[in-house]
N, C-alpha and C. Protein backbone atom coordinates (compact mmCIF):
# COMPACT_ATOMS: atom_id res chain seq x y z
N MET A 1 -29.73 -7.29 -38.15
CA MET A 1 -30.04 -6.81 -36.80
C MET A 1 -29.29 -5.51 -36.54
N GLU A 2 -29.98 -4.56 -35.94
CA GLU A 2 -29.36 -3.30 -35.56
C GLU A 2 -29.29 -3.23 -34.04
N ILE A 3 -28.07 -3.15 -33.52
CA ILE A 3 -27.85 -3.04 -32.08
C ILE A 3 -27.90 -1.57 -31.69
N LEU A 4 -28.77 -1.24 -30.76
CA LEU A 4 -28.89 0.15 -30.30
C LEU A 4 -27.94 0.43 -29.15
N SER A 5 -27.79 -0.55 -28.25
CA SER A 5 -26.88 -0.40 -27.12
C SER A 5 -26.57 -1.76 -26.52
N SER A 6 -25.45 -1.85 -25.82
CA SER A 6 -25.09 -3.07 -25.10
C SER A 6 -24.33 -2.69 -23.84
N GLU A 7 -24.73 -3.29 -22.74
CA GLU A 7 -24.13 -2.98 -21.45
C GLU A 7 -23.67 -4.26 -20.78
N LYS A 8 -22.38 -4.32 -20.46
CA LYS A 8 -21.84 -5.51 -19.81
C LYS A 8 -22.13 -5.47 -18.32
N MET A 9 -22.73 -6.57 -17.82
CA MET A 9 -23.08 -6.65 -16.41
C MET A 9 -21.99 -7.37 -15.64
N SER A 10 -22.09 -7.35 -14.31
CA SER A 10 -21.05 -7.94 -13.47
C SER A 10 -20.88 -9.43 -13.71
N SER A 11 -21.93 -10.09 -14.18
CA SER A 11 -21.88 -11.53 -14.43
C SER A 11 -21.17 -11.86 -15.74
N GLY A 12 -20.82 -10.84 -16.53
CA GLY A 12 -20.21 -11.07 -17.84
C GLY A 12 -21.23 -11.18 -18.95
N ILE A 13 -22.49 -11.08 -18.60
CA ILE A 13 -23.58 -11.11 -19.58
C ILE A 13 -23.87 -9.68 -20.04
N TYR A 14 -24.16 -9.55 -21.33
CA TYR A 14 -24.51 -8.24 -21.87
C TYR A 14 -26.03 -8.07 -21.91
N LYS A 15 -26.44 -6.88 -21.52
CA LYS A 15 -27.83 -6.46 -21.73
C LYS A 15 -27.86 -5.74 -23.07
N VAL A 16 -28.55 -6.33 -24.02
CA VAL A 16 -28.52 -5.84 -25.39
C VAL A 16 -29.88 -5.25 -25.77
N SER A 17 -29.83 -4.08 -26.38
CA SER A 17 -31.05 -3.48 -26.91
C SER A 17 -30.91 -3.41 -28.43
N SER A 18 -31.89 -3.99 -29.12
CA SER A 18 -31.83 -3.99 -30.57
C SER A 18 -33.12 -3.43 -31.15
N ALA A 19 -33.02 -2.91 -32.36
CA ALA A 19 -34.19 -2.35 -33.03
C ALA A 19 -35.15 -3.46 -33.45
N ASP A 20 -34.62 -4.68 -33.63
CA ASP A 20 -35.42 -5.78 -34.16
C ASP A 20 -36.03 -6.67 -33.10
N CYS A 21 -35.24 -6.92 -32.02
CA CYS A 21 -35.66 -7.92 -31.02
C CYS A 21 -35.93 -7.32 -29.65
N GLY A 22 -35.84 -6.04 -29.52
CA GLY A 22 -36.04 -5.42 -28.21
C GLY A 22 -34.84 -5.67 -27.30
N VAL A 23 -35.10 -5.81 -26.00
CA VAL A 23 -34.04 -6.00 -25.02
C VAL A 23 -33.90 -7.50 -24.70
N PHE A 24 -32.66 -8.00 -24.72
CA PHE A 24 -32.39 -9.38 -24.32
C PHE A 24 -31.00 -9.46 -23.72
N TYR A 25 -30.67 -10.61 -23.17
CA TYR A 25 -29.38 -10.80 -22.50
C TYR A 25 -28.57 -11.84 -23.26
N MET A 26 -27.25 -11.63 -23.31
CA MET A 26 -26.41 -12.50 -24.13
C MET A 26 -25.02 -12.62 -23.53
N ARG A 27 -24.56 -13.88 -23.37
CA ARG A 27 -23.19 -14.12 -22.91
C ARG A 27 -22.33 -14.40 -24.14
N PRO A 28 -21.26 -13.64 -24.35
CA PRO A 28 -20.44 -13.77 -25.57
C PRO A 28 -19.85 -15.15 -25.80
N VAL A 29 -19.65 -15.94 -24.73
CA VAL A 29 -19.05 -17.26 -24.89
C VAL A 29 -19.91 -18.16 -25.77
N TYR A 30 -21.18 -17.83 -25.89
CA TYR A 30 -22.08 -18.66 -26.70
C TYR A 30 -22.07 -18.28 -28.18
N LEU A 31 -21.36 -17.23 -28.54
CA LEU A 31 -21.24 -16.86 -29.96
C LEU A 31 -20.33 -17.87 -30.65
N LYS A 32 -20.67 -18.28 -31.84
CA LYS A 32 -19.89 -19.31 -32.53
C LYS A 32 -18.77 -18.75 -33.40
N THR A 33 -19.05 -17.70 -34.14
CA THR A 33 -18.04 -17.13 -35.05
C THR A 33 -17.70 -15.69 -34.72
N LEU A 34 -18.61 -14.99 -34.11
CA LEU A 34 -18.42 -13.57 -33.80
C LEU A 34 -17.66 -13.43 -32.48
N SER A 35 -16.63 -12.62 -32.47
CA SER A 35 -15.89 -12.38 -31.24
C SER A 35 -16.60 -11.30 -30.42
N GLU A 36 -16.27 -11.27 -29.13
CA GLU A 36 -16.85 -10.23 -28.28
C GLU A 36 -16.45 -8.85 -28.77
N LYS A 37 -15.21 -8.72 -29.22
CA LYS A 37 -14.70 -7.43 -29.72
C LYS A 37 -15.49 -6.99 -30.95
N ASP A 38 -15.69 -7.91 -31.88
CA ASP A 38 -16.45 -7.57 -33.09
C ASP A 38 -17.89 -7.21 -32.76
N PHE A 39 -18.44 -7.90 -31.78
CA PHE A 39 -19.81 -7.60 -31.37
C PHE A 39 -19.92 -6.17 -30.86
N LEU A 40 -18.92 -5.77 -30.06
CA LEU A 40 -18.96 -4.44 -29.46
C LEU A 40 -18.67 -3.33 -30.46
N GLU A 41 -17.90 -3.65 -31.50
CA GLU A 41 -17.48 -2.61 -32.45
C GLU A 41 -18.43 -2.44 -33.63
N ASN A 42 -19.44 -3.32 -33.73
CA ASN A 42 -20.38 -3.23 -34.85
C ASN A 42 -21.81 -3.04 -34.33
N TYR A 43 -22.60 -2.39 -35.14
CA TYR A 43 -23.99 -2.14 -34.76
C TYR A 43 -24.98 -2.73 -35.75
N GLU A 44 -24.48 -3.10 -36.93
CA GLU A 44 -25.32 -3.71 -37.96
C GLU A 44 -24.76 -5.09 -38.30
N PHE A 45 -25.63 -6.11 -38.32
CA PHE A 45 -25.18 -7.47 -38.60
C PHE A 45 -26.08 -8.10 -39.65
N ASN A 46 -25.45 -8.93 -40.51
CA ASN A 46 -26.25 -9.60 -41.53
C ASN A 46 -27.12 -10.69 -40.89
N ALA A 47 -27.93 -11.34 -41.71
CA ALA A 47 -28.90 -12.31 -41.19
C ALA A 47 -28.26 -13.47 -40.45
N ASP A 48 -27.16 -14.01 -41.00
CA ASP A 48 -26.51 -15.16 -40.38
C ASP A 48 -25.95 -14.82 -39.00
N VAL A 49 -25.25 -13.69 -38.94
CA VAL A 49 -24.65 -13.28 -37.66
C VAL A 49 -25.74 -12.86 -36.68
N SER A 50 -26.79 -12.25 -37.20
CA SER A 50 -27.91 -11.86 -36.34
C SER A 50 -28.51 -13.09 -35.67
N GLN A 51 -28.66 -14.16 -36.44
CA GLN A 51 -29.21 -15.40 -35.87
C GLN A 51 -28.27 -15.97 -34.82
N GLU A 52 -26.97 -15.84 -35.06
CA GLU A 52 -25.98 -16.31 -34.08
C GLU A 52 -26.13 -15.55 -32.77
N ILE A 53 -26.34 -14.27 -32.86
CA ILE A 53 -26.51 -13.44 -31.66
C ILE A 53 -27.81 -13.81 -30.94
N ILE A 54 -28.87 -14.01 -31.71
CA ILE A 54 -30.15 -14.41 -31.12
C ILE A 54 -30.03 -15.76 -30.42
N ASP A 55 -29.36 -16.71 -31.08
CA ASP A 55 -29.17 -18.03 -30.47
C ASP A 55 -28.38 -17.93 -29.17
N ALA A 56 -27.35 -17.09 -29.16
CA ALA A 56 -26.56 -16.88 -27.94
C ALA A 56 -27.44 -16.31 -26.83
N GLY A 57 -28.38 -15.44 -27.22
CA GLY A 57 -29.32 -14.91 -26.24
C GLY A 57 -30.25 -15.97 -25.69
N LEU A 58 -30.68 -16.90 -26.54
CA LEU A 58 -31.56 -17.98 -26.10
C LEU A 58 -30.83 -18.96 -25.18
N ILE A 59 -29.56 -19.21 -25.47
CA ILE A 59 -28.75 -20.05 -24.59
C ILE A 59 -28.57 -19.36 -23.24
N THR A 60 -28.34 -18.05 -23.29
CA THR A 60 -28.19 -17.28 -22.05
C THR A 60 -29.45 -17.33 -21.22
N ALA A 61 -30.60 -17.28 -21.87
CA ALA A 61 -31.88 -17.37 -21.14
C ALA A 61 -31.99 -18.72 -20.43
N ALA A 62 -31.58 -19.79 -21.11
CA ALA A 62 -31.59 -21.12 -20.48
C ALA A 62 -30.62 -21.16 -19.31
N GLU A 63 -29.46 -20.53 -19.49
CA GLU A 63 -28.47 -20.48 -18.40
C GLU A 63 -29.04 -19.78 -17.18
N CYS A 64 -29.68 -18.65 -17.40
CA CYS A 64 -30.22 -17.87 -16.28
C CYS A 64 -31.28 -18.66 -15.51
N LYS A 65 -32.11 -19.40 -16.24
CA LYS A 65 -33.11 -20.22 -15.57
C LYS A 65 -32.44 -21.35 -14.80
N ALA A 66 -31.40 -21.93 -15.38
CA ALA A 66 -30.66 -22.99 -14.69
C ALA A 66 -30.05 -22.46 -13.40
N VAL A 67 -29.51 -21.26 -13.45
CA VAL A 67 -28.90 -20.64 -12.27
C VAL A 67 -29.95 -20.41 -11.19
N ASP A 68 -31.17 -20.08 -11.60
CA ASP A 68 -32.26 -19.93 -10.62
C ASP A 68 -32.45 -21.23 -9.84
N TYR A 69 -32.47 -22.35 -10.55
CA TYR A 69 -32.63 -23.64 -9.89
C TYR A 69 -31.43 -23.95 -8.99
N LEU A 70 -30.23 -23.67 -9.49
CA LEU A 70 -29.02 -23.97 -8.73
C LEU A 70 -28.89 -23.10 -7.49
N ALA A 71 -29.49 -21.93 -7.52
CA ALA A 71 -29.44 -21.04 -6.36
C ALA A 71 -30.28 -21.60 -5.21
N ARG A 72 -31.25 -22.46 -5.55
CA ARG A 72 -32.11 -23.05 -4.53
C ARG A 72 -31.50 -24.30 -3.93
N SER A 73 -30.86 -25.11 -4.77
CA SER A 73 -30.26 -26.36 -4.29
C SER A 73 -29.35 -26.94 -5.36
N GLU A 74 -28.48 -27.87 -4.94
CA GLU A 74 -27.64 -28.57 -5.91
C GLU A 74 -28.51 -29.34 -6.89
N GLN A 75 -28.09 -29.41 -8.13
CA GLN A 75 -28.83 -30.12 -9.17
C GLN A 75 -27.88 -31.05 -9.91
N SER A 76 -28.43 -32.17 -10.39
CA SER A 76 -27.66 -33.00 -11.31
C SER A 76 -27.85 -32.44 -12.71
N ARG A 77 -26.91 -32.71 -13.60
CA ARG A 77 -27.07 -32.23 -14.97
C ARG A 77 -28.33 -32.81 -15.60
N SER A 78 -28.53 -34.11 -15.43
CA SER A 78 -29.69 -34.76 -16.02
C SER A 78 -31.00 -34.18 -15.50
N GLY A 79 -31.07 -33.98 -14.20
CA GLY A 79 -32.28 -33.43 -13.60
C GLY A 79 -32.54 -32.00 -14.04
N LEU A 80 -31.47 -31.21 -14.11
CA LEU A 80 -31.61 -29.82 -14.52
C LEU A 80 -32.00 -29.72 -15.99
N PHE A 81 -31.43 -30.60 -16.81
CA PHE A 81 -31.80 -30.64 -18.23
C PHE A 81 -33.30 -30.90 -18.37
N LYS A 82 -33.80 -31.87 -17.63
CA LYS A 82 -35.23 -32.21 -17.72
C LYS A 82 -36.10 -31.05 -17.27
N LYS A 83 -35.71 -30.38 -16.20
CA LYS A 83 -36.50 -29.25 -15.71
C LYS A 83 -36.58 -28.13 -16.75
N LEU A 84 -35.47 -27.86 -17.41
CA LEU A 84 -35.45 -26.80 -18.42
C LEU A 84 -36.27 -27.19 -19.65
N ILE A 85 -36.17 -28.44 -20.06
CA ILE A 85 -36.96 -28.90 -21.20
C ILE A 85 -38.45 -28.80 -20.86
N ASP A 86 -38.80 -29.19 -19.62
CA ASP A 86 -40.19 -29.12 -19.19
C ASP A 86 -40.70 -27.68 -19.15
N LYS A 87 -39.79 -26.74 -18.97
CA LYS A 87 -40.16 -25.32 -18.96
C LYS A 87 -40.26 -24.74 -20.38
N GLY A 88 -39.93 -25.57 -21.39
CA GLY A 88 -40.08 -25.13 -22.76
C GLY A 88 -38.82 -24.66 -23.45
N TYR A 89 -37.67 -24.81 -22.80
CA TYR A 89 -36.40 -24.42 -23.42
C TYR A 89 -35.98 -25.50 -24.41
N ASP A 90 -35.43 -25.09 -25.54
CA ASP A 90 -35.00 -26.02 -26.59
C ASP A 90 -33.70 -26.71 -26.17
N ARG A 91 -33.61 -28.02 -26.39
CA ARG A 91 -32.42 -28.77 -25.98
C ARG A 91 -31.16 -28.24 -26.66
N ASP A 92 -31.29 -27.67 -27.86
CA ASP A 92 -30.13 -27.11 -28.57
C ASP A 92 -29.57 -25.90 -27.84
N PHE A 93 -30.37 -25.27 -27.00
CA PHE A 93 -29.91 -24.12 -26.21
C PHE A 93 -29.59 -24.51 -24.77
N VAL A 94 -30.23 -25.58 -24.30
CA VAL A 94 -29.99 -26.03 -22.92
C VAL A 94 -28.60 -26.63 -22.76
N ASN A 95 -28.21 -27.51 -23.69
CA ASN A 95 -26.92 -28.20 -23.54
C ASN A 95 -25.72 -27.26 -23.49
N PRO A 96 -25.62 -26.25 -24.37
CA PRO A 96 -24.48 -25.33 -24.26
C PRO A 96 -24.48 -24.57 -22.94
N ALA A 97 -25.67 -24.23 -22.45
CA ALA A 97 -25.76 -23.52 -21.18
C ALA A 97 -25.24 -24.40 -20.04
N LEU A 98 -25.62 -25.67 -20.03
CA LEU A 98 -25.17 -26.58 -18.98
C LEU A 98 -23.68 -26.89 -19.11
N ASP A 99 -23.18 -26.96 -20.35
CA ASP A 99 -21.75 -27.14 -20.57
C ASP A 99 -20.97 -26.00 -19.93
N TYR A 100 -21.47 -24.78 -20.15
CA TYR A 100 -20.79 -23.60 -19.58
C TYR A 100 -20.82 -23.64 -18.05
N LEU A 101 -21.99 -23.94 -17.48
CA LEU A 101 -22.11 -23.96 -16.03
C LEU A 101 -21.23 -25.04 -15.41
N GLU A 102 -21.06 -26.17 -16.11
CA GLU A 102 -20.13 -27.19 -15.63
C GLU A 102 -18.69 -26.68 -15.72
N SER A 103 -18.37 -25.96 -16.78
CA SER A 103 -16.99 -25.50 -16.98
C SER A 103 -16.56 -24.51 -15.91
N VAL A 104 -17.53 -23.75 -15.36
CA VAL A 104 -17.20 -22.78 -14.31
C VAL A 104 -17.52 -23.35 -12.92
N LYS A 105 -17.81 -24.67 -12.86
CA LYS A 105 -18.03 -25.41 -11.61
C LYS A 105 -19.28 -24.97 -10.86
N TYR A 106 -20.20 -24.32 -11.54
CA TYR A 106 -21.44 -23.95 -10.88
C TYR A 106 -22.43 -25.13 -10.88
N LEU A 107 -22.24 -26.00 -11.83
CA LEU A 107 -23.03 -27.23 -11.92
C LEU A 107 -22.07 -28.41 -11.81
N SER A 108 -22.37 -29.35 -10.91
CA SER A 108 -21.45 -30.46 -10.68
C SER A 108 -22.21 -31.70 -10.23
N ASP A 109 -22.14 -32.76 -11.01
CA ASP A 109 -22.75 -34.02 -10.59
C ASP A 109 -22.10 -34.57 -9.34
N GLU A 110 -20.79 -34.37 -9.21
CA GLU A 110 -20.07 -34.86 -8.04
C GLU A 110 -20.60 -34.17 -6.77
N ARG A 111 -20.75 -32.86 -6.84
CA ARG A 111 -21.24 -32.11 -5.69
C ARG A 111 -22.70 -32.47 -5.39
N TYR A 112 -23.47 -32.67 -6.45
CA TYR A 112 -24.87 -33.08 -6.27
C TYR A 112 -24.94 -34.41 -5.53
N CYS A 113 -24.11 -35.37 -5.93
CA CYS A 113 -24.10 -36.68 -5.27
C CYS A 113 -23.81 -36.55 -3.78
N ARG A 114 -22.79 -35.77 -3.45
CA ARG A 114 -22.44 -35.60 -2.03
C ARG A 114 -23.62 -35.01 -1.25
N SER A 115 -24.24 -33.99 -1.82
CA SER A 115 -25.36 -33.34 -1.16
C SER A 115 -26.53 -34.31 -1.01
N TRP A 116 -26.85 -35.04 -2.09
CA TRP A 116 -27.98 -35.96 -2.06
C TRP A 116 -27.77 -37.08 -1.05
N LEU A 117 -26.56 -37.64 -1.04
CA LEU A 117 -26.26 -38.74 -0.11
C LEU A 117 -26.33 -38.28 1.34
N ASN A 118 -25.81 -37.11 1.64
CA ASN A 118 -25.82 -36.62 3.01
C ASN A 118 -27.22 -36.27 3.48
N THR A 119 -28.08 -35.86 2.56
CA THR A 119 -29.47 -35.60 2.91
C THR A 119 -30.24 -36.91 3.05
N ARG A 120 -29.97 -37.83 2.15
CA ARG A 120 -30.67 -39.12 2.13
C ARG A 120 -30.46 -39.91 3.42
N LYS A 121 -29.25 -39.82 3.97
CA LYS A 121 -28.93 -40.66 5.13
C LYS A 121 -29.67 -40.24 6.39
N ILE A 122 -30.26 -39.05 6.38
CA ILE A 122 -30.95 -38.56 7.57
C ILE A 122 -32.16 -39.42 7.91
N ASN A 123 -32.93 -39.78 6.89
CA ASN A 123 -34.16 -40.53 7.13
C ASN A 123 -34.19 -41.92 6.52
N HIS A 124 -33.10 -42.32 5.87
CA HIS A 124 -33.06 -43.63 5.22
C HIS A 124 -31.80 -44.38 5.65
N PHE A 125 -31.95 -45.69 5.80
CA PHE A 125 -30.81 -46.55 6.10
C PHE A 125 -30.67 -47.53 4.94
N GLU A 126 -29.77 -47.21 4.01
CA GLU A 126 -29.67 -47.96 2.77
C GLU A 126 -28.23 -48.36 2.48
N GLY A 127 -28.09 -49.50 1.80
CA GLY A 127 -26.78 -50.00 1.41
C GLY A 127 -26.33 -49.44 0.08
N ARG A 128 -25.12 -49.80 -0.27
CA ARG A 128 -24.49 -49.27 -1.47
C ARG A 128 -25.32 -49.53 -2.74
N GLN A 129 -25.84 -50.76 -2.90
CA GLN A 129 -26.54 -51.10 -4.13
C GLN A 129 -27.81 -50.27 -4.31
N LYS A 130 -28.53 -50.04 -3.23
CA LYS A 130 -29.76 -49.23 -3.32
C LYS A 130 -29.40 -47.79 -3.66
N LEU A 131 -28.39 -47.26 -3.00
CA LEU A 131 -27.98 -45.87 -3.25
C LEU A 131 -27.45 -45.71 -4.68
N LEU A 132 -26.71 -46.71 -5.14
CA LEU A 132 -26.21 -46.66 -6.52
C LEU A 132 -27.37 -46.64 -7.51
N SER A 133 -28.35 -47.50 -7.27
CA SER A 133 -29.51 -47.56 -8.15
C SER A 133 -30.26 -46.23 -8.16
N GLU A 134 -30.39 -45.61 -7.01
CA GLU A 134 -31.08 -44.32 -6.91
C GLU A 134 -30.33 -43.23 -7.69
N LEU A 135 -29.02 -43.21 -7.57
CA LEU A 135 -28.22 -42.20 -8.27
C LEU A 135 -28.27 -42.41 -9.78
N LEU A 136 -28.16 -43.67 -10.20
CA LEU A 136 -28.24 -43.96 -11.63
C LEU A 136 -29.60 -43.56 -12.17
N GLY A 137 -30.63 -43.76 -11.38
CA GLY A 137 -31.97 -43.38 -11.79
C GLY A 137 -32.14 -41.88 -11.91
N ARG A 138 -31.26 -41.13 -11.30
CA ARG A 138 -31.28 -39.67 -11.41
C ARG A 138 -30.35 -39.16 -12.52
N GLY A 139 -29.88 -40.11 -13.33
CA GLY A 139 -29.07 -39.73 -14.48
C GLY A 139 -27.60 -39.49 -14.19
N ILE A 140 -27.14 -39.91 -13.02
CA ILE A 140 -25.73 -39.73 -12.68
C ILE A 140 -24.91 -40.82 -13.38
N PRO A 141 -23.82 -40.47 -14.05
CA PRO A 141 -22.98 -41.50 -14.68
C PRO A 141 -22.47 -42.50 -13.64
N LYS A 142 -22.34 -43.76 -14.05
CA LYS A 142 -21.98 -44.82 -13.11
C LYS A 142 -20.66 -44.55 -12.40
N GLU A 143 -19.66 -44.08 -13.13
CA GLU A 143 -18.36 -43.82 -12.50
C GLU A 143 -18.47 -42.71 -11.46
N THR A 144 -19.20 -41.66 -11.79
CA THR A 144 -19.38 -40.55 -10.86
C THR A 144 -20.11 -41.02 -9.60
N ALA A 145 -21.16 -41.81 -9.80
CA ALA A 145 -21.91 -42.33 -8.67
C ALA A 145 -21.03 -43.24 -7.80
N GLY A 146 -20.24 -44.10 -8.45
CA GLY A 146 -19.37 -45.00 -7.72
C GLY A 146 -18.34 -44.26 -6.89
N ASN A 147 -17.75 -43.24 -7.46
CA ASN A 147 -16.76 -42.44 -6.73
C ASN A 147 -17.40 -41.73 -5.53
N ALA A 148 -18.60 -41.23 -5.73
CA ALA A 148 -19.31 -40.54 -4.65
C ALA A 148 -19.63 -41.51 -3.51
N LEU A 149 -20.01 -42.73 -3.86
CA LEU A 149 -20.33 -43.73 -2.85
C LEU A 149 -19.08 -44.18 -2.11
N ASP A 150 -17.97 -44.29 -2.83
CA ASP A 150 -16.70 -44.63 -2.17
C ASP A 150 -16.39 -43.61 -1.09
N GLU A 151 -16.54 -42.34 -1.44
CA GLU A 151 -16.27 -41.25 -0.50
C GLU A 151 -17.27 -41.28 0.66
N PHE A 152 -18.53 -41.52 0.32
CA PHE A 152 -19.59 -41.54 1.35
C PHE A 152 -19.33 -42.63 2.38
N PHE A 153 -18.94 -43.83 1.92
CA PHE A 153 -18.77 -44.94 2.85
C PHE A 153 -17.41 -44.92 3.56
N LEU A 154 -16.54 -44.02 3.17
CA LEU A 154 -15.35 -43.77 3.98
C LEU A 154 -15.72 -43.03 5.26
N GLU A 155 -16.78 -42.24 5.15
CA GLU A 155 -17.22 -41.42 6.28
C GLU A 155 -18.39 -42.03 7.03
N ASN A 156 -19.06 -43.00 6.41
CA ASN A 156 -20.24 -43.62 7.02
C ASN A 156 -20.11 -45.14 6.95
N ASP A 157 -20.05 -45.79 8.11
CA ASP A 157 -19.86 -47.24 8.19
C ASP A 157 -21.11 -47.95 7.68
N GLU A 158 -20.97 -48.69 6.56
CA GLU A 158 -22.13 -49.36 5.98
C GLU A 158 -22.71 -50.41 6.91
N ASN A 159 -21.85 -51.06 7.71
CA ASN A 159 -22.36 -52.06 8.65
C ASN A 159 -23.25 -51.43 9.72
N LEU A 160 -22.87 -50.26 10.20
CA LEU A 160 -23.69 -49.57 11.20
C LEU A 160 -25.02 -49.14 10.59
N ILE A 161 -24.97 -48.71 9.33
CA ILE A 161 -26.21 -48.34 8.63
C ILE A 161 -27.11 -49.57 8.50
N ALA A 162 -26.50 -50.71 8.19
CA ALA A 162 -27.26 -51.95 8.05
C ALA A 162 -27.92 -52.33 9.37
N GLU A 163 -27.21 -52.16 10.47
CA GLU A 163 -27.76 -52.49 11.78
C GLU A 163 -28.94 -51.59 12.13
N LYS A 164 -28.85 -50.32 11.75
CA LYS A 164 -29.97 -49.40 11.99
C LYS A 164 -31.17 -49.77 11.12
N CYS A 165 -30.88 -50.19 9.92
CA CYS A 165 -31.95 -50.63 9.02
C CYS A 165 -32.63 -51.87 9.60
N TYR A 166 -31.83 -52.78 10.14
CA TYR A 166 -32.36 -54.00 10.76
C TYR A 166 -33.35 -53.64 11.87
N LEU A 167 -32.96 -52.74 12.75
CA LEU A 167 -33.82 -52.35 13.87
C LEU A 167 -35.12 -51.73 13.38
N LYS A 168 -35.02 -50.92 12.34
CA LYS A 168 -36.21 -50.28 11.77
C LYS A 168 -37.17 -51.32 11.21
N LEU A 169 -36.62 -52.31 10.52
CA LEU A 169 -37.46 -53.34 9.91
C LEU A 169 -38.07 -54.28 10.96
N VAL A 170 -37.31 -54.58 12.00
CA VAL A 170 -37.82 -55.43 13.08
C VAL A 170 -39.01 -54.74 13.77
N LYS A 171 -38.90 -53.43 13.96
CA LYS A 171 -40.00 -52.68 14.57
C LYS A 171 -41.25 -52.73 13.71
N ARG A 172 -41.05 -52.96 12.41
CA ARG A 172 -42.19 -53.07 11.50
C ARG A 172 -42.72 -54.49 11.41
N GLY A 173 -42.14 -55.39 12.21
CA GLY A 173 -42.64 -56.75 12.27
C GLY A 173 -41.95 -57.72 11.33
N LYS A 174 -40.85 -57.32 10.69
CA LYS A 174 -40.15 -58.21 9.77
C LYS A 174 -39.32 -59.23 10.55
N SER A 175 -39.27 -60.46 10.06
CA SER A 175 -38.43 -61.49 10.69
C SER A 175 -38.14 -62.57 9.66
N GLY A 176 -37.14 -63.40 9.97
CA GLY A 176 -36.81 -64.53 9.12
C GLY A 176 -36.46 -64.14 7.69
N GLU A 177 -36.97 -64.92 6.74
CA GLU A 177 -36.66 -64.68 5.34
C GLU A 177 -37.21 -63.34 4.85
N LYS A 178 -38.35 -62.94 5.40
CA LYS A 178 -38.92 -61.65 5.01
C LYS A 178 -38.01 -60.50 5.45
N LEU A 179 -37.38 -60.66 6.58
CA LEU A 179 -36.44 -59.65 7.07
C LEU A 179 -35.21 -59.60 6.16
N ILE A 180 -34.68 -60.77 5.82
CA ILE A 180 -33.52 -60.83 4.93
C ILE A 180 -33.85 -60.19 3.58
N SER A 181 -35.02 -60.53 3.04
CA SER A 181 -35.44 -59.97 1.76
C SER A 181 -35.58 -58.45 1.83
N ALA A 182 -36.15 -57.96 2.93
CA ALA A 182 -36.33 -56.51 3.09
C ALA A 182 -34.98 -55.80 3.18
N LEU A 183 -34.03 -56.40 3.87
CA LEU A 183 -32.69 -55.82 3.98
C LEU A 183 -32.01 -55.76 2.62
N MET A 184 -32.17 -56.81 1.84
CA MET A 184 -31.57 -56.82 0.50
C MET A 184 -32.24 -55.78 -0.40
N GLN A 185 -33.53 -55.57 -0.23
CA GLN A 185 -34.22 -54.54 -1.00
C GLN A 185 -33.70 -53.14 -0.66
N GLN A 186 -33.15 -53.01 0.54
CA GLN A 186 -32.56 -51.73 0.94
C GLN A 186 -31.10 -51.61 0.54
N GLY A 187 -30.62 -52.57 -0.25
CA GLY A 187 -29.30 -52.43 -0.84
C GLY A 187 -28.17 -53.16 -0.14
N PHE A 188 -28.48 -53.99 0.83
CA PHE A 188 -27.44 -54.74 1.54
C PHE A 188 -27.29 -56.14 0.93
N SER A 189 -26.11 -56.68 1.00
CA SER A 189 -25.86 -57.99 0.41
C SER A 189 -26.56 -59.09 1.20
N TYR A 190 -26.73 -60.24 0.56
CA TYR A 190 -27.33 -61.38 1.25
C TYR A 190 -26.50 -61.77 2.47
N LYS A 191 -25.18 -61.70 2.30
CA LYS A 191 -24.29 -62.07 3.41
C LYS A 191 -24.53 -61.19 4.63
N VAL A 192 -24.63 -59.88 4.40
CA VAL A 192 -24.87 -58.94 5.50
C VAL A 192 -26.27 -59.15 6.08
N ALA A 193 -27.25 -59.30 5.20
CA ALA A 193 -28.64 -59.46 5.64
C ALA A 193 -28.82 -60.72 6.48
N SER A 194 -28.27 -61.83 6.01
CA SER A 194 -28.42 -63.09 6.74
C SER A 194 -27.66 -63.06 8.06
N SER A 195 -26.52 -62.36 8.08
CA SER A 195 -25.75 -62.23 9.31
C SER A 195 -26.53 -61.44 10.35
N LEU A 196 -27.18 -60.37 9.92
CA LEU A 196 -27.99 -59.56 10.83
C LEU A 196 -29.16 -60.38 11.40
N GLU A 197 -29.81 -61.13 10.53
CA GLU A 197 -30.96 -61.93 10.95
C GLU A 197 -30.52 -63.03 11.93
N LYS A 198 -29.40 -63.64 11.64
CA LYS A 198 -28.89 -64.74 12.48
C LYS A 198 -28.42 -64.26 13.85
N ASN A 199 -27.81 -63.07 13.87
CA ASN A 199 -27.16 -62.59 15.10
C ASN A 199 -27.90 -61.44 15.77
N ASN A 200 -29.21 -61.40 15.53
CA ASN A 200 -30.06 -60.40 16.20
C ASN A 200 -29.54 -58.96 16.03
N GLY A 201 -29.24 -58.63 14.77
CA GLY A 201 -28.89 -57.24 14.48
C GLY A 201 -27.42 -56.93 14.47
N LYS A 202 -26.58 -57.95 14.60
CA LYS A 202 -25.14 -57.75 14.55
C LYS A 202 -24.58 -58.48 13.35
N ILE A 203 -23.46 -57.98 12.84
CA ILE A 203 -22.83 -58.57 11.69
C ILE A 203 -21.61 -59.37 12.10
N ASP A 204 -21.49 -60.57 11.59
CA ASP A 204 -20.32 -61.40 11.91
C ASP A 204 -19.05 -60.67 11.50
N PRO A 205 -18.04 -60.60 12.38
CA PRO A 205 -16.77 -60.02 11.99
C PRO A 205 -16.10 -60.87 10.92
N GLU A 206 -15.35 -60.20 10.04
CA GLU A 206 -14.66 -60.94 8.96
C GLU A 206 -13.61 -61.86 9.55
């Protein structure tokens, strides 16, 4: 590969012009054996190193697309990985890009959980088990999801959420065992559900 020019941008990514591959973008952190200094001081590279530079460019392309998604909203790693794969990016290039974005805190499952939970609570009244199941289904690691839920329920009383869920279900005509079953489907324990049904929407104090 013959490098014609390289320009470092404010993001730390280089805009590279080569005689062989045209113009592409490359973040040096993705180079495996070649240092940034060596890259800048040389203009001709053998086949192996050329491939390393090309691969770094492909990882950078995946990173840039990931950043586009993250600029719109918080993303989970699992969800972002799937979106990039669906767009045709190779998993061998996607994973290093996501590793880098996590290392610089631009991608965070913890932050995604907080955002998702705070948005979810606006129109849904759900208990811990339902929310945990939803997060796990989005590819969030169990420990991360559990920690996020601990934080969420420090700020949001699960009993009050259960009472709101009860009122919503009663308005839909639920009663008796069907009401208890519906409450449990929304992630509340049998104890909480039966207490709400027995006490007309209130939970027995411990």
